[in-house]
Amino acid sequence: MTRIYVAGVGEKAGKTVVIAGLIQALREEGVRVAYGKPVGLARAYRHGRPCDPDGEAMAQVLDRPSGEELVGVLAGDTPRAWRPPADAWNRIQALLQVDADLLFLEGREWLGRGFLSGLSDVALAKRLEAPVLLVAKYEGEPSVDAVLVATTLLAGEARLLGVVLNGVSPEAELSEVQAYAAPFLEERGIPVLGTISFDRRLQAVRVLEVLEAVGAEVVVEGNLQAEVERFLVGAMGAEAALQHLRRIPGQLAVITPGDRTDIQAAALAFPRVRALILSGGIRPERAIATQAADQGKTLAVAPQDTFTVAETADRLLGRTFLPSPQRLAILRELVKEGLDLERLRERLG
């Protein structure tokens, strides 16, 4: 069985998205594919137990009932050094016991995570004898620098398959990648195995996750599982807000001060708004709550100021992959168009 260790050059690089797309494309070719995450991060709960959201997402991709058995060890974010359990390596090794042609092993939050605990991507890939596929979110020159640093960390420890540049804007960045970034990396012996175009439909976050992250109190419960692709900060007049809403595509959530009833009413009347979050701890007027209930939309109150709520919410976009059939189909096409699967096979040997 062939193994590939997929590591992120930085946080939110898109490892899970790339793996899910590769699984769809390879399945189409008849390849039996499996997945495991040696060290997950306990940043969500399922049935009252901590879990790794990436493992849960991949369980859905693979039609598995739970992602618990796909994750070897669950780590936590603590102020002191996290110490893995005594049987950590036994749990991690158990992930290799699958009947498949190809096993994807997903790395930690970023390549440098875990050096203190001894369970870094570098150490894991070396011990599991899995060549490394790096995923980097493309952000111009800084992301190229980050790839160079990542390959320096891997040098002499684990074999590099290559790098995938993710989230590349087809309009603004693709020509730059093709003309400059990719040739630069190739000249330095770093194979660029492809690019994944940016698609906002893959960035969605559920309303419930947003409310939990900002500590908001739900005043009117709409569909908490509804997905949001963008956040609009309502600080202008109602008419200007409506014009702005019309221009922004996708499913929306509006964040506005609790005393701006004009914007609140306009946002609730707009069809693509899934949730309205009032900042500053100011509870809504009765008319706004009634309108939200009539429209079946979530209305919540957050204690922080508008900027803090918006910043926190925006960081959630793209953090967890939501594997709907539509998104998986989008990913399959993005991978088939952007990645050189034949070169990947050659690199695997």
Protein backbone atom coordinates (compact mmCIF):
# COMPACT_ATOMS: atom_id res chain seq x y z
CA MET A 1 0.00 0.00 0.00
CA THR A 2 1.29 3.44 -0.97
CA ARG A 3 1.27 6.22 1.64
CA ILE A 4 1.22 9.99 1.20
CA TYR A 5 1.67 12.34 4.14
CA VAL A 6 -0.11 15.64 3.40
CA ALA A 7 1.31 18.55 5.42
CA GLY A 8 0.30 22.19 5.50
CA VAL A 9 2.99 24.83 5.00
CA GLY A 10 0.91 27.18 7.16
CA GLU A 11 -2.37 27.19 9.02
CA LYS A 12 -5.57 26.89 6.97
CA ALA A 13 -3.54 25.76 3.96
CA GLY A 14 -6.38 23.51 2.80
CA LYS A 15 -4.99 20.02 3.44
CA THR A 16 -8.40 18.43 4.01
CA VAL A 17 -9.83 20.05 0.88
CA VAL A 18 -6.94 18.85 -1.28
CA ILE A 19 -7.17 15.31 0.12
CA ALA A 20 -10.95 15.20 -0.42
CA GLY A 21 -10.48 16.34 -4.03
CA LEU A 22 -7.75 13.79 -4.67
CA ILE A 23 -9.92 11.03 -3.20
CA GLN A 24 -12.77 11.94 -5.56
CA ALA A 25 -10.51 12.06 -8.61
CA LEU A 26 -8.68 8.81 -7.78
CA ARG A 27 -11.87 6.93 -6.93
CA GLU A 28 -13.12 7.81 -10.39
CA GLU A 29 -10.09 5.95 -11.76
CA GLY A 30 -10.83 2.89 -9.63
CA VAL A 31 -8.15 3.50 -6.99
CA ARG A 32 -9.04 2.24 -3.50
CA VAL A 33 -8.27 5.15 -1.21
CA ALA A 34 -8.12 5.38 2.60
CA TYR A 35 -7.51 8.21 5.06
CA GLY A 36 -6.02 8.67 8.50
CA LYS A 37 -4.94 11.58 10.68
CA PRO A 38 -2.13 10.58 13.06
CA VAL A 39 -2.60 13.55 15.41
CA GLY A 40 -5.87 15.46 15.42
CA LEU A 41 -6.93 18.58 17.27
CA ALA A 42 -9.88 18.42 19.66
CA ARG A 43 -11.68 21.60 18.61
CA ALA A 44 -15.23 20.28 18.32
CA TYR A 45 -17.62 17.86 20.01
CA ARG A 46 -19.62 14.93 18.68
CA HIS A 47 -22.12 13.14 20.91
CA GLY A 48 -20.60 14.95 23.89
CA ARG A 49 -17.05 13.79 23.16
CA PRO A 50 -14.15 15.87 21.79
CA CYS A 51 -13.34 15.24 18.14
CA ASP A 52 -11.31 16.53 15.23
CA PRO A 53 -13.61 18.21 12.65
CA ASP A 54 -11.34 17.16 9.76
CA GLY A 55 -11.68 13.53 10.75
CA GLU A 56 -15.46 13.90 10.93
CA ALA A 57 -15.54 15.57 7.51
CA MET A 58 -13.44 12.82 5.94
CA ALA A 59 -15.68 10.17 7.51
CA GLN A 60 -18.52 11.67 5.47
CA VAL A 61 -16.37 11.68 2.33
CA LEU A 62 -15.56 7.99 2.87
CA ASP A 63 -19.12 7.06 3.93
CA ARG A 64 -17.99 6.12 7.43
CA PRO A 65 -20.28 6.49 10.49
CA SER A 66 -17.68 8.36 12.56
CA GLY A 67 -14.30 9.97 12.19
CA GLU A 68 -13.10 8.77 15.59
CA GLU A 69 -11.35 5.69 14.22
CA LEU A 70 -9.68 7.79 11.50
CA VAL A 71 -7.74 9.85 14.06
CA GLY A 72 -4.88 8.24 15.98
CA VAL A 73 -4.39 10.68 18.86
CA LEU A 74 -6.30 13.80 19.87
CA ALA A 75 -4.20 16.75 20.98
CA GLY A 76 -5.41 19.90 22.67
CA ASP A 77 -4.45 23.56 22.70
CA THR A 78 -3.08 24.12 26.20
CA PRO A 79 -0.74 26.72 27.67
CA ARG A 80 1.65 23.95 28.75
CA ALA A 81 3.36 21.46 26.47
CA TRP A 82 0.91 18.76 25.44
CA ARG A 83 2.23 15.31 26.29
CA PRO A 84 1.01 12.46 24.09
CA PRO A 85 -0.35 9.33 25.78
CA ALA A 86 2.03 6.43 26.34
CA ASP A 87 0.40 4.37 23.58
CA ALA A 88 0.38 7.21 21.04
CA TRP A 89 2.58 5.48 18.47
CA ASN A 90 0.58 2.25 18.73
CA ARG A 91 -2.60 4.21 17.95
CA ILE A 92 -0.92 6.00 15.08
CA GLN A 93 0.52 2.79 13.63
CA ALA A 94 -2.97 1.24 13.75
CA LEU A 95 -4.07 3.74 11.08
CA LEU A 96 -1.86 1.87 8.59
CA GLN A 97 -3.89 -1.33 8.94
CA VAL A 98 -6.31 -0.65 6.10
CA ASP A 99 -7.10 -2.49 2.90
CA ALA A 100 -6.46 0.12 0.22
CA ASP A 101 -4.20 0.98 -2.69
CA LEU A 102 -3.38 4.44 -1.36
CA LEU A 103 -3.48 5.87 2.16
CA PHE A 104 -3.57 9.63 2.73
CA LEU A 105 -2.19 10.68 6.11
CA GLU A 106 -3.20 14.21 7.05
CA GLY A 107 -0.75 16.34 8.99
CA ARG A 108 -1.21 18.72 11.88
CA GLU A 109 -2.32 22.37 11.77
CA TRP A 110 0.96 23.35 10.12
CA LEU A 111 4.34 21.77 9.51
CA GLY A 112 6.00 23.23 12.61
CA ARG A 113 3.32 22.14 15.06
CA GLY A 114 4.34 19.39 17.47
CA PHE A 115 8.11 19.71 17.65
CA LEU A 116 7.84 20.25 21.40
CA SER A 117 5.79 17.10 21.96
CA GLY A 118 7.82 14.97 19.55
CA LEU A 119 4.86 14.50 17.22
CA SER A 120 5.58 16.97 14.45
CA ASP A 121 4.77 16.32 10.81
CA VAL A 122 8.48 15.84 10.16
CA ALA A 123 8.76 13.17 12.86
CA LEU A 124 5.50 11.48 11.87
CA ALA A 125 6.29 11.31 8.16
CA LYS A 126 9.77 9.94 8.87
CA ARG A 127 8.62 7.25 11.27
CA LEU A 128 5.64 6.25 9.09
CA GLU A 129 7.91 6.12 6.03
CA ALA A 130 5.52 8.30 4.06
CA PRO A 131 6.69 10.82 1.44
CA VAL A 132 5.37 14.34 2.03
CA LEU A 133 3.02 16.32 -0.17
CA LEU A 134 3.09 19.95 0.95
CA VAL A 135 0.00 22.16 0.62
CA ALA A 136 0.50 25.92 0.64
CA LYS A 137 -2.19 28.57 0.50
CA TYR A 138 -0.94 30.91 -2.21
CA GLU A 139 -0.45 34.48 -1.02
CA GLY A 140 2.33 35.71 -3.26
CA GLU A 141 5.97 35.96 -2.23
CA PRO A 142 5.42 35.12 1.48
CA SER A 143 3.92 31.74 0.58
CA VAL A 144 6.91 30.92 -1.65
CA ASP A 145 9.22 31.79 1.27
CA ALA A 146 7.15 29.53 3.52
CA VAL A 147 7.50 26.62 1.07
CA LEU A 148 11.29 27.09 1.05
CA VAL A 149 11.36 27.02 4.87
CA ALA A 150 9.16 23.91 4.94
CA THR A 151 11.42 22.02 2.54
CA THR A 152 14.42 22.99 4.68
CA LEU A 153 12.74 21.40 7.71
CA LEU A 154 12.06 18.23 5.75
CA ALA A 155 15.54 17.95 4.25
CA GLY A 156 17.24 14.76 5.39
CA GLU A 157 14.21 13.70 7.42
CA ALA A 158 11.41 12.81 4.99
CA ARG A 159 11.14 12.55 1.22
CA LEU A 160 9.39 15.43 -0.54
CA LEU A 161 6.88 14.53 -3.24
CA GLY A 162 6.20 18.14 -4.15
CA VAL A 163 3.95 21.05 -3.35
CA VAL A 164 0.38 21.97 -4.25
CA LEU A 165 -0.41 25.68 -4.34
CA ASN A 166 -3.96 26.08 -3.05
CA GLY A 167 -6.49 28.90 -3.19
CA VAL A 168 -5.02 30.49 -6.31
CA SER A 169 -7.20 33.22 -7.81
CA PRO A 170 -7.71 32.34 -11.51
CA GLU A 171 -8.06 36.02 -12.40
CA ALA A 172 -5.40 37.69 -10.27
CA GLU A 173 -2.78 35.07 -9.37
CA LEU A 174 -2.71 32.15 -11.79
CA SER A 175 -0.52 33.88 -14.39
CA GLU A 176 1.89 34.94 -11.61
CA VAL A 177 2.12 31.36 -10.35
CA GLN A 178 2.73 29.97 -13.82
CA ALA A 179 5.26 32.59 -14.87
CA TYR A 180 7.19 33.15 -11.64
CA ALA A 181 6.37 31.19 -8.50
CA ALA A 182 6.23 27.67 -9.96
CA PRO A 183 9.40 28.03 -12.12
CA PHE A 184 11.25 29.54 -9.13
CA LEU A 185 10.41 26.54 -6.95
CA GLU A 186 11.13 24.03 -9.70
CA GLU A 187 14.59 25.56 -10.22
CA ARG A 188 15.29 24.86 -6.56
CA GLY A 189 14.28 21.21 -6.85
CA ILE A 190 10.79 21.59 -5.45
CA PRO A 191 8.25 20.00 -7.81
CA VAL A 192 5.04 22.01 -8.14
CA LEU A 193 2.48 19.28 -8.73
CA GLY A 194 -0.35 21.69 -9.46
CA THR A 195 -2.59 24.48 -8.33
CA ILE A 196 -6.08 24.48 -6.87
CA SER A 197 -8.16 27.47 -7.87
CA PHE A 198 -9.89 29.49 -5.19
CA ASP A 199 -13.63 28.83 -4.97
CA ARG A 200 -15.60 30.63 -2.28
CA ARG A 201 -18.21 27.86 -2.21
CA LEU A 202 -15.62 25.70 -0.41
CA GLN A 203 -15.11 28.24 2.40
CA ALA A 204 -18.54 28.02 4.04
CA VAL A 205 -19.08 27.77 7.80
CA ARG A 206 -22.24 26.78 9.69
CA VAL A 207 -24.17 29.43 11.59
CA LEU A 208 -23.90 27.40 14.81
CA GLU A 209 -20.08 27.38 14.63
CA VAL A 210 -20.02 31.16 14.24
CA LEU A 211 -22.31 31.73 17.23
CA GLU A 212 -20.25 29.38 19.40
CA ALA A 213 -17.00 31.07 18.38
CA VAL A 214 -18.23 34.57 19.32
CA GLY A 215 -20.15 33.42 22.39
CA ALA A 216 -23.44 34.76 21.07
CA GLU A 217 -26.81 34.27 22.74
CA VAL A 218 -29.49 32.99 20.38
CA VAL A 219 -32.61 35.15 20.55
CA VAL A 220 -34.44 33.60 17.58
CA GLU A 221 -33.35 30.17 16.39
CA GLY A 222 -33.53 29.73 12.65
CA ASN A 223 -31.58 27.02 10.84
CA LEU A 224 -28.39 26.78 12.88
CA GLN A 225 -26.95 24.29 10.36
CA ALA A 226 -27.34 26.79 7.51
CA GLU A 227 -24.07 27.60 5.76
CA VAL A 228 -22.58 31.05 5.35
CA GLU A 229 -19.99 31.95 2.72
CA ARG A 230 -19.47 35.64 3.57
CA PHE A 231 -19.96 38.10 6.42
CA LEU A 232 -21.19 41.64 5.91
CA VAL A 233 -20.58 44.30 8.53
CA GLY A 234 -23.57 46.62 8.58
CA ALA A 235 -22.34 50.07 9.56
CA MET A 236 -23.81 52.13 6.73
CA GLY A 237 -27.34 53.29 6.04
CA ALA A 238 -30.10 50.79 5.30
CA GLU A 239 -30.27 51.64 1.59
CA ALA A 240 -26.50 51.37 1.20
CA ALA A 241 -26.56 48.07 3.08
CA LEU A 242 -29.20 46.68 0.71
CA GLN A 243 -27.17 47.72 -2.32
CA HIS A 244 -24.11 46.05 -0.80
CA LEU A 245 -26.08 42.87 -0.09
CA ARG A 246 -27.25 42.69 -3.69
CA ARG A 247 -23.68 42.92 -4.98
CA ILE A 248 -22.23 40.20 -2.74
CA PRO A 249 -22.85 36.65 -4.01
CA GLY A 250 -23.47 33.56 -1.89
CA GLN A 251 -25.10 32.88 1.46
CA LEU A 252 -24.56 35.67 3.98
CA ALA A 253 -24.55 36.58 7.66
CA VAL A 254 -24.81 40.21 8.74
CA ILE A 255 -23.00 41.62 11.77
CA THR A 256 -24.25 45.00 12.92
CA PRO A 257 -24.44 47.13 16.08
CA GLY A 258 -27.39 46.28 18.28
CA ASP A 259 -28.86 49.78 17.96
CA ARG A 260 -29.02 49.87 14.15
CA THR A 261 -32.60 48.68 13.66
CA ASP A 262 -32.74 50.07 10.11
CA ILE A 263 -29.90 47.81 8.94
CA GLN A 264 -31.27 44.89 10.94
CA ALA A 265 -34.67 45.10 9.26
CA ALA A 266 -33.09 45.42 5.81
CA ALA A 267 -30.82 42.43 6.40
CA LEU A 268 -33.63 40.18 7.62
CA ALA A 269 -35.69 41.04 4.55
CA PHE A 270 -32.89 39.98 2.19
CA PRO A 271 -33.37 36.36 0.96
CA ARG A 272 -29.74 35.23 1.10
CA VAL A 273 -29.09 36.36 4.67
CA ARG A 274 -29.06 33.30 6.92
CA ALA A 275 -28.27 34.97 10.25
CA LEU A 276 -28.15 38.38 11.88
CA ILE A 277 -25.66 38.92 14.73
CA LEU A 278 -26.02 42.03 16.89
CA SER A 279 -22.82 43.27 18.53
CA GLY A 280 -22.22 45.13 21.77
CA GLY A 281 -24.53 42.95 23.86
CA ILE A 282 -27.56 45.06 22.88
CA ARG A 283 -30.71 42.98 22.64
CA PRO A 284 -33.00 43.49 19.64
CA GLU A 285 -36.25 45.36 19.65
CA ARG A 286 -39.37 43.22 19.67
CA ALA A 287 -40.20 44.11 16.06
CA ILE A 288 -36.80 42.81 14.89
CA ALA A 289 -37.20 39.57 16.83
CA THR A 290 -40.68 39.11 15.36
CA GLN A 291 -39.38 39.74 11.84
CA ALA A 292 -36.57 37.19 12.33
CA ALA A 293 -39.06 34.59 13.56
CA ASP A 294 -41.41 35.26 10.64
CA GLN A 295 -38.52 34.91 8.18
CA GLY A 296 -37.16 31.79 9.89
CA LYS A 297 -33.74 33.37 10.33
CA THR A 298 -31.32 33.15 13.22
CA LEU A 299 -31.01 36.26 15.38
CA ALA A 300 -28.28 36.36 18.02
CA VAL A 301 -26.55 38.84 20.33
CA ALA A 302 -22.77 38.85 20.81
CA PRO A 303 -21.08 40.64 23.73
CA GLN A 304 -18.10 41.95 21.76
CA ASP A 305 -17.83 45.02 19.55
CA THR A 306 -18.66 44.78 15.85
CA PHE A 307 -15.05 44.62 14.66
CA THR A 308 -14.12 41.80 17.05
CA VAL A 309 -17.18 39.74 16.11
CA ALA A 310 -16.50 40.21 12.39
CA GLU A 311 -12.81 39.36 12.74
CA THR A 312 -13.56 36.21 14.73
CA ALA A 313 -16.24 35.08 12.29
CA ASP A 314 -14.10 35.74 9.24
CA ARG A 315 -11.30 33.56 10.60
CA LEU A 316 -13.68 30.59 10.60
CA LEU A 317 -14.14 30.65 6.83
CA GLY A 318 -12.33 27.73 5.25
CA ARG A 319 -11.26 26.32 8.62
CA THR A 320 -13.44 23.22 8.41
CA PHE A 321 -14.44 21.51 5.18
CA LEU A 322 -18.18 20.80 4.84
CA PRO A 323 -18.40 17.80 2.47
CA SER A 324 -21.72 18.18 0.67
CA PRO A 325 -22.16 16.29 -2.65
CA GLN A 326 -22.00 19.62 -4.49
CA ARG A 327 -18.68 20.59 -2.89
CA LEU A 328 -17.17 17.17 -3.54
CA ALA A 329 -18.12 17.47 -7.20
CA ILE A 330 -16.52 20.94 -7.33
CA LEU A 331 -13.36 19.60 -5.71
CA ARG A 332 -13.13 16.66 -8.09
CA GLU A 333 -13.14 19.01 -11.06
CA LEU A 334 -10.68 21.46 -9.46
CA VAL A 335 -8.22 18.62 -8.80
CA LYS A 336 -8.60 17.12 -12.26
CA GLU A 337 -8.03 20.52 -13.83
CA GLY A 338 -5.27 21.77 -11.56
CA LEU A 339 -3.17 18.80 -10.40
CA ASP A 340 -0.79 16.69 -12.46
CA LEU A 341 -1.88 13.27 -11.21
CA GLU A 342 0.45 11.47 -13.62
CA ARG A 343 3.46 13.34 -12.26
CA LEU A 344 2.31 12.57 -8.72
CA ARG A 345 2.31 8.85 -9.59
CA GLU A 346 5.78 9.14 -11.09
CA ARG A 347 7.06 10.86 -7.96
CA LEU A 348 5.58 8.08 -5.83
CA GLY A 349 7.51 5.56 -7.91
